C-alpha atoms as a PDB file:
ATOM      1  CA  UNK A   1      77.758 106.773  87.158  1.00  0.00           C
ATOM      2  CA  UNK A   2      75.781 106.582  90.372  1.00  0.00           C
ATOM      3  CA  UNK A   3      78.016 106.884  93.407  1.00  0.00           C
ATOM      4  CA  UNK A   4      76.463 106.057  96.758  1.00  0.00           C
ATOM      5  CA  UNK A   5      76.950 108.683  99.424  1.00  0.00           C
ATOM      6  CA  UNK A   6      76.745 107.973 103.154  1.00  0.00           C
ATOM      7  CA  UNK A   7      74.957 111.314 103.602  1.00  0.00           C
ATOM      8  CA  UNK A   8      72.205 110.273 101.179  1.00  0.00           C
ATOM      9  CA  UNK A   9      73.017 112.992  98.634  1.00  0.00           C
ATOM     10  CA  UNK A  10      72.599 112.381  94.935  1.00  0.00           C
ATOM     11  CA  UNK A  11      75.398 112.876  92.405  1.00  0.00           C
ATOM     12  CA  UNK A  12      74.671 116.541  91.588  1.00  0.00           C
ATOM     13  CA  UNK A  13      74.708 117.443  95.303  1.00  0.00           C
ATOM     14  CA  UNK A  14      78.086 115.824  96.023  1.00  0.00           C
ATOM     15  CA  UNK A  15      81.201 117.984  95.909  1.00  0.00           C
ATOM     16  CA  UNK A  16      82.887 117.688  92.515  1.00  0.00           C
ATOM     17  CA  UNK A  17      86.362 118.245  93.968  1.00  0.00           C
ATOM     18  CA  UNK A  18      85.911 115.310  96.343  1.00  0.00           C
ATOM     19  CA  UNK A  19      84.740 113.027  93.543  1.00  0.00           C
ATOM     20  CA  UNK A  20      87.707 113.982  91.359  1.00  0.00           C
ATOM     21  CA  UNK A  21      90.179 113.572  94.229  1.00  0.00           C
ATOM     22  CA  UNK A  22      88.688 110.207  95.160  1.00  0.00           C
ATOM     23  CA  UNK A  23      88.919 109.051  91.536  1.00  0.00           C
ATOM     24  CA  UNK A  24      92.511 110.246  91.213  1.00  0.00           C
ATOM     25  CA  UNK A  25      93.443 108.606  94.517  1.00  0.00           C
ATOM     26  CA  UNK A  26      91.807 105.386  93.338  1.00  0.00           C
ATOM     27  CA  UNK A  27      94.069 105.379  90.276  1.00  0.00           C
ATOM     28  CA  UNK A  28      97.143 105.952  92.467  1.00  0.00           C
ATOM     29  CA  UNK A  29      96.096 103.121  94.781  1.00  0.00           C
ATOM     30  CA  UNK A  30      95.532 100.817  91.823  1.00  0.00           C
ATOM     31  CA  UNK A  31      99.024 101.658  90.535  1.00  0.00           C
ATOM     32  CA  UNK A  32     100.564 100.889  93.934  1.00  0.00           C
ATOM     33  CA  UNK A  33      98.586  97.653  94.049  1.00  0.00           C
ATOM     34  CA  UNK A  34      99.915  96.743  90.599  1.00  0.00           C
ATOM     35  CA  UNK A  35     103.466  97.415  91.804  1.00  0.00           C
ATOM     36  CA  UNK A  36     102.780  95.151  94.792  1.00  0.00           C
ATOM     37  CA  UNK A  37     101.460  92.418  92.493  1.00  0.00           C
ATOM     38  CA  UNK A  38     104.555  92.610  90.279  1.00  0.00           C
ATOM     39  CA  UNK A  39     106.773  92.503  93.377  1.00  0.00           C
ATOM     40  CA  UNK A  40     105.012  89.335  94.521  1.00  0.00           C
ATOM     41  CA  UNK A  41     105.265  87.765  91.063  1.00  0.00           C
ATOM     42  CA  UNK A  42     108.944  88.607  90.716  1.00  0.00           C
ATOM     43  CA  UNK A  43     109.631  87.278  94.215  1.00  0.00           C
ATOM     44  CA  UNK A  44     107.881  84.027  93.341  1.00  0.00           C
ATOM     45  CA  UNK A  45     109.886  83.678  90.139  1.00  0.00           C
ATOM     46  CA  UNK A  46     113.092  84.447  92.020  1.00  0.00           C
ATOM     47  CA  UNK A  47     112.198  81.742  94.547  1.00  0.00           C
ATOM     48  CA  UNK A  48     111.798  79.247  91.702  1.00  0.00           C
ATOM     49  CA  UNK A  49     115.201  80.248  90.320  1.00  0.00           C
ATOM     50  CA  UNK A  50     116.648  79.904  93.840  1.00  0.00           C
ATOM     51  CA  UNK A  51     115.257  76.390  94.345  1.00  0.00           C
ATOM     52  CA  UNK A  52     116.181  75.147  90.854  1.00  0.00           C
ATOM     53  CA  UNK A  53     119.611  76.743  91.035  1.00  0.00           C
ATOM     54  CA  UNK A  54     120.327  75.270  94.451  1.00  0.00           C
ATOM     55  CA  UNK A  55     119.084  71.761  93.670  1.00  0.00           C
ATOM     56  CA  UNK A  56     120.047  71.318  90.013  1.00  0.00           C
ATOM     57  CA  UNK A  57     123.243  73.367  89.720  1.00  0.00           C
ATOM     58  CA  UNK A  58     124.320  73.833  93.348  1.00  0.00           C
ATOM     59  CA  UNK A  59     124.330  77.598  92.678  1.00  0.00           C
ATOM     60  CA  UNK A  60     121.887  79.543  94.859  1.00  0.00           C
ATOM     61  CA  UNK A  61     120.930  83.145  94.150  1.00  0.00           C
ATOM     62  CA  UNK A  62     123.366  85.368  96.070  1.00  0.00           C
ATOM     63  CA  UNK A  63     121.580  87.564  98.613  1.00  0.00           C
ATOM     64  CA  UNK A  64     118.218  85.836  98.143  1.00  0.00           C
ATOM     65  CA  UNK A  65     117.139  86.370 101.758  1.00  0.00           C
ATOM     66  CA  UNK A  66     118.053  90.073 101.648  1.00  0.00           C
ATOM     67  CA  UNK A  67     116.228  90.572  98.343  1.00  0.00           C
ATOM     68  CA  UNK A  68     113.203  88.807  99.819  1.00  0.00           C
ATOM     69  CA  UNK A  69     113.195  91.078 102.878  1.00  0.00           C
ATOM     70  CA  UNK A  70     113.268  94.215 100.748  1.00  0.00           C
ATOM     71  CA  UNK A  71     110.593  92.953  98.346  1.00  0.00           C
ATOM     72  CA  UNK A  72     108.334  92.032 101.264  1.00  0.00           C
ATOM     73  CA  UNK A  73     108.456  95.624 102.478  1.00  0.00           C
ATOM     74  CA  UNK A  74     107.428  96.822  99.020  1.00  0.00           C
ATOM     75  CA  UNK A  75     104.378  94.609  98.612  1.00  0.00           C
ATOM     76  CA  UNK A  76     103.301  94.854 102.232  1.00  0.00           C
ATOM     77  CA  UNK A  77     103.108  98.639 102.137  1.00  0.00           C
ATOM     78  CA  UNK A  78     102.060  99.084  98.502  1.00  0.00           C
ATOM     79  CA  UNK A  79      98.766  97.239  98.838  1.00  0.00           C
ATOM     80  CA  UNK A  80      97.568  98.674 102.146  1.00  0.00           C
ATOM     81  CA  UNK A  81      95.846 101.827 100.795  1.00  0.00           C
ATOM     82  CA  UNK A  82      93.965  99.782  98.195  1.00  0.00           C
ATOM     83  CA  UNK A  83      92.906  97.320 100.882  1.00  0.00           C
ATOM     84  CA  UNK A  84      91.648 100.174 103.079  1.00  0.00           C
ATOM     85  CA  UNK A  85      89.628 101.571 100.158  1.00  0.00           C
ATOM     86  CA  UNK A  86      87.851  98.312  99.396  1.00  0.00           C
ATOM     87  CA  UNK A  87      87.282  97.578 103.094  1.00  0.00           C
ATOM     88  CA  UNK A  88      89.671  94.646 103.308  1.00  0.00           C
ATOM     89  CA  UNK A  89      90.785  93.067 106.523  1.00  0.00           C
ATOM     90  CA  UNK A  90      92.791  95.997 107.811  1.00  0.00           C
ATOM     91  CA  UNK A  91      90.455  96.841 110.666  1.00  0.00           C
ATOM     92  CA  UNK A  92      89.051  94.816 113.559  1.00  0.00           C
ATOM     93  CA  UNK A  93      85.656  93.884 112.137  1.00  0.00           C
ATOM     94  CA  UNK A  94      84.930  91.436 114.952  1.00  0.00           C
ATOM     95  CA  UNK A  95      84.744  94.199 117.551  1.00  0.00           C
ATOM     96  CA  UNK A  96      83.254  96.880 115.294  1.00  0.00           C
ATOM     97  CA  UNK A  97      80.605  94.521 113.953  1.00  0.00           C
ATOM     98  CA  UNK A  98      78.960  94.308 117.370  1.00  0.00           C
ATOM     99  CA  UNK A  99      78.725  98.089 117.850  1.00  0.00           C
ATOM    100  CA  UNK A 100      75.883 100.330 116.691  1.00  0.00           C
ATOM    101  CA  UNK A 101      75.091 104.019 116.425  1.00  0.00           C
ATOM    102  CA  UNK A 102      77.194 106.671 118.089  1.00  0.00           C
ATOM    103  CA  UNK A 103      79.506 104.130 119.761  1.00  0.00           C
ATOM    104  CA  UNK A 104      80.397 102.701 116.348  1.00  0.00           C
ATOM    105  CA  UNK A 105      81.132 106.150 114.916  1.00  0.00           C
ATOM    106  CA  UNK A 106      83.306 107.115 117.900  1.00  0.00           C
ATOM    107  CA  UNK A 107      85.278 103.848 117.692  1.00  0.00           C
ATOM    108  CA  UNK A 108      85.676 104.286 113.921  1.00  0.00           C
ATOM    109  CA  UNK A 109      86.900 107.845 114.428  1.00  0.00           C
ATOM    110  CA  UNK A 110      89.382 106.792 117.123  1.00  0.00           C
ATOM    111  CA  UNK A 111      90.635 103.973 114.892  1.00  0.00           C
ATOM    112  CA  UNK A 112      91.150 106.287 111.916  1.00  0.00           C
ATOM    113  CA  UNK A 113      92.950 108.839 114.111  1.00  0.00           C
ATOM    114  CA  UNK A 114      95.236 106.122 115.524  1.00  0.00           C
ATOM    115  CA  UNK A 115      95.984 104.749 112.051  1.00  0.00           C
ATOM    116  CA  UNK A 116      96.587 108.249 110.674  1.00  0.00           C
ATOM    117  CA  UNK A 117      98.998 109.025 113.531  1.00  0.00           C
ATOM    118  CA  UNK A 118     100.906 105.777 112.955  1.00  0.00           C
ATOM    119  CA  UNK A 119     101.055 106.373 109.198  1.00  0.00           C
ATOM    120  CA  UNK A 120     102.243 109.947 109.787  1.00  0.00           C
ATOM    121  CA  UNK A 121     105.098 108.591 111.921  1.00  0.00           C
ATOM    122  CA  UNK A 122     106.015 106.099 109.186  1.00  0.00           C
ATOM    123  CA  UNK A 123     105.997 108.843 106.548  1.00  0.00           C
ATOM    124  CA  UNK A 124     108.045 111.168 108.741  1.00  0.00           C
ATOM    125  CA  UNK A 125     110.620 108.464 109.507  1.00  0.00           C
ATOM    126  CA  UNK A 126     110.835 107.006 105.988  1.00  0.00           C
ATOM    127  CA  UNK A 127     112.778 109.687 104.121  1.00  0.00           C
ATOM    128  CA  UNK A 128     114.794 110.471 107.248  1.00  0.00           C
ATOM    129  CA  UNK A 129     116.312 107.010 107.233  1.00  0.00           C
ATOM    130  CA  UNK A 130     117.175 107.327 103.561  1.00  0.00           C
ATOM    131  CA  UNK A 131     119.207 110.467 103.964  1.00  0.00           C
ATOM    132  CA  UNK A 132     122.726 109.990 105.146  1.00  0.00           C
ATOM    133  CA  UNK A 133     125.044 111.819 107.455  1.00  0.00           C
ATOM    134  CA  UNK A 134     127.778 113.872 105.799  1.00  0.00           C
ATOM    135  CA  UNK A 135     130.648 111.689 104.668  1.00  0.00           C
ATOM    136  CA  UNK A 136     128.694 108.419 104.894  1.00  0.00           C
ATOM    137  CA  UNK A 137     127.200 106.441 102.059  1.00  0.00           C
ATOM    138  CA  UNK A 138     123.659 105.118 101.784  1.00  0.00           C
ATOM    139  CA  UNK A 139     125.041 101.606 102.176  1.00  0.00           C
ATOM    140  CA  UNK A 140     126.940 102.288 105.392  1.00  0.00           C
ATOM    141  CA  UNK A 141     127.013  99.490 107.982  1.00  0.00           C
ATOM    142  CA  UNK A 142     124.983 101.542 110.486  1.00  0.00           C
ATOM    143  CA  UNK A 143     121.877 101.473 108.269  1.00  0.00           C
ATOM    144  CA  UNK A 144     119.464  98.826 109.458  1.00  0.00           C
ATOM    145  CA  UNK A 145     117.836  95.996 107.524  1.00  0.00           C
ATOM    146  CA  UNK A 146     120.129  96.278 104.538  1.00  0.00           C
ATOM    147  CA  UNK A 147     123.082  94.118 103.678  1.00  0.00           C
ATOM    148  CA  UNK A 148     126.407  95.761 102.904  1.00  0.00           C
ATOM    149  CA  UNK A 149     126.623  97.002  99.334  1.00  0.00           C
ATOM    150  CA  UNK A 150     122.870  97.299  98.747  1.00  0.00           C
ATOM    151  CA  UNK A 151     121.088 100.656  98.821  1.00  0.00           C
ATOM    152  CA  UNK A 152     118.596 101.089 101.655  1.00  0.00           C
ATOM    153  CA  UNK A 153     116.177 103.256  99.707  1.00  0.00           C
ATOM    154  CA  UNK A 154     114.940 100.291  97.658  1.00  0.00           C
ATOM    155  CA  UNK A 155     112.606  99.253 100.456  1.00  0.00           C
ATOM    156  CA  UNK A 156     112.256 102.527 102.362  1.00  0.00           C
ATOM    157  CA  UNK A 157     111.224 104.994  99.674  1.00  0.00           C
ATOM    158  CA  UNK A 158     108.314 102.952  98.236  1.00  0.00           C
ATOM    159  CA  UNK A 159     106.952 102.425 101.738  1.00  0.00           C
ATOM    160  CA  UNK A 160     106.958 106.192 102.348  1.00  0.00           C
ATOM    161  CA  UNK A 161     105.039 106.783  99.090  1.00  0.00           C
ATOM    162  CA  UNK A 162     102.571 104.000  99.896  1.00  0.00           C
ATOM    163  CA  UNK A 163     101.994 105.359 103.383  1.00  0.00           C
ATOM    164  CA  UNK A 164     101.348 108.766 101.818  1.00  0.00           C
ATOM    165  CA  UNK A 165      98.628 107.209  99.648  1.00  0.00           C
ATOM    166  CA  UNK A 166      97.136 105.583 102.759  1.00  0.00           C
ATOM    167  CA  UNK A 167      97.206 108.935 104.541  1.00  0.00           C
ATOM    168  CA  UNK A 168      95.299 110.527 101.653  1.00  0.00           C
ATOM    169  CA  UNK A 169      92.791 107.659 101.729  1.00  0.00           C
ATOM    170  CA  UNK A 170      92.230 108.095 105.458  1.00  0.00           C
ATOM    171  CA  UNK A 171      91.714 111.829 104.925  1.00  0.00           C
ATOM    172  CA  UNK A 172      89.276 111.266 102.063  1.00  0.00           C
ATOM    173  CA  UNK A 173      87.204 108.611 103.833  1.00  0.00           C
ATOM    174  CA  UNK A 174      83.559 109.667 104.018  1.00  0.00           C
ATOM    175  CA  UNK A 175      82.371 110.680 107.466  1.00  0.00           C
END
């Protein structure tokens, strides 16, 4: 397997630990992307059930909007590390495409640092919003973006894991 290296090194000269970590991280990102794909598919099927149930039987799916909001958080965050790895449209290619040389590298570095800082804040805040104050439940009315009676961790915990995968990807990006 011939892996291209930005430094121009051949396979035997590349660090083995980096190659193994990058391969392992690729498998994790693929798994998160698969979870995102299943979330999208299940949301589409639920939308079909919602439309058919509302029109044919006058029985909509209870809490459809709330379920949709939580599922959107799952597939929005779960696919972002994979998209960063394959060079998808996460970054501003219009601006970076016009730059060359040292200016390009400095702008890339600043962009990665800004993204890493933002992702670190999302990771730090994710589990903190899941935990509850003593004597309060995880479905308390003061928790945001969750309807009463539904656990808030359904959309918050997967986003923290996905942001962790993105943080590892940003760390492992070749210089």
